[in-house]
Amino acid sequence: MGVLRPVALGPVHWAMIALALLTGGIHLYVAATTGEPAYAVLGIVLLAGLGVFFTRWFAPPLYLVGAVYVSLLLVAWVIAGQQLLALAIVDKLVQVALIVVFAYLLVIESGSASENGP
């Protein structure tokens, strides 16, 4: 049995993928332009989480893990006092949208899993 799982991607899944790639890319860009390796780590973790979505280890409760992680990124940027204000605003808007998408997918996919039985 392979590591990858078959995934039927709907519009909300594509939105999740786009938002995760965008915020992950922003973090990698910030790491490259500021020399702060912490942003590279944060971006890589975001992209790794997206990779897990396509594996057999994924389960809907991981949407909650993703939402909590992205919420922590919102706080981390403020604590770090990052100076790229325009980019920070875009990134935070993307992250809020990603949290909403994670919450929606969690509710929808957890509901369909419980309807189908164990």
Foldseek 3Di string as FASTA:
>chain_A
DDFFDDDDDDPLNVLLVVLLLVLLVLLCVCCVVVVDCVSPVLSVVSVVLNVNCGTPPDDLCVLVVVLVSLVVVLVVCVVVVDDPVVSNVVSNVSSVVNSVSSVVSSVVRVVVVVVVPD
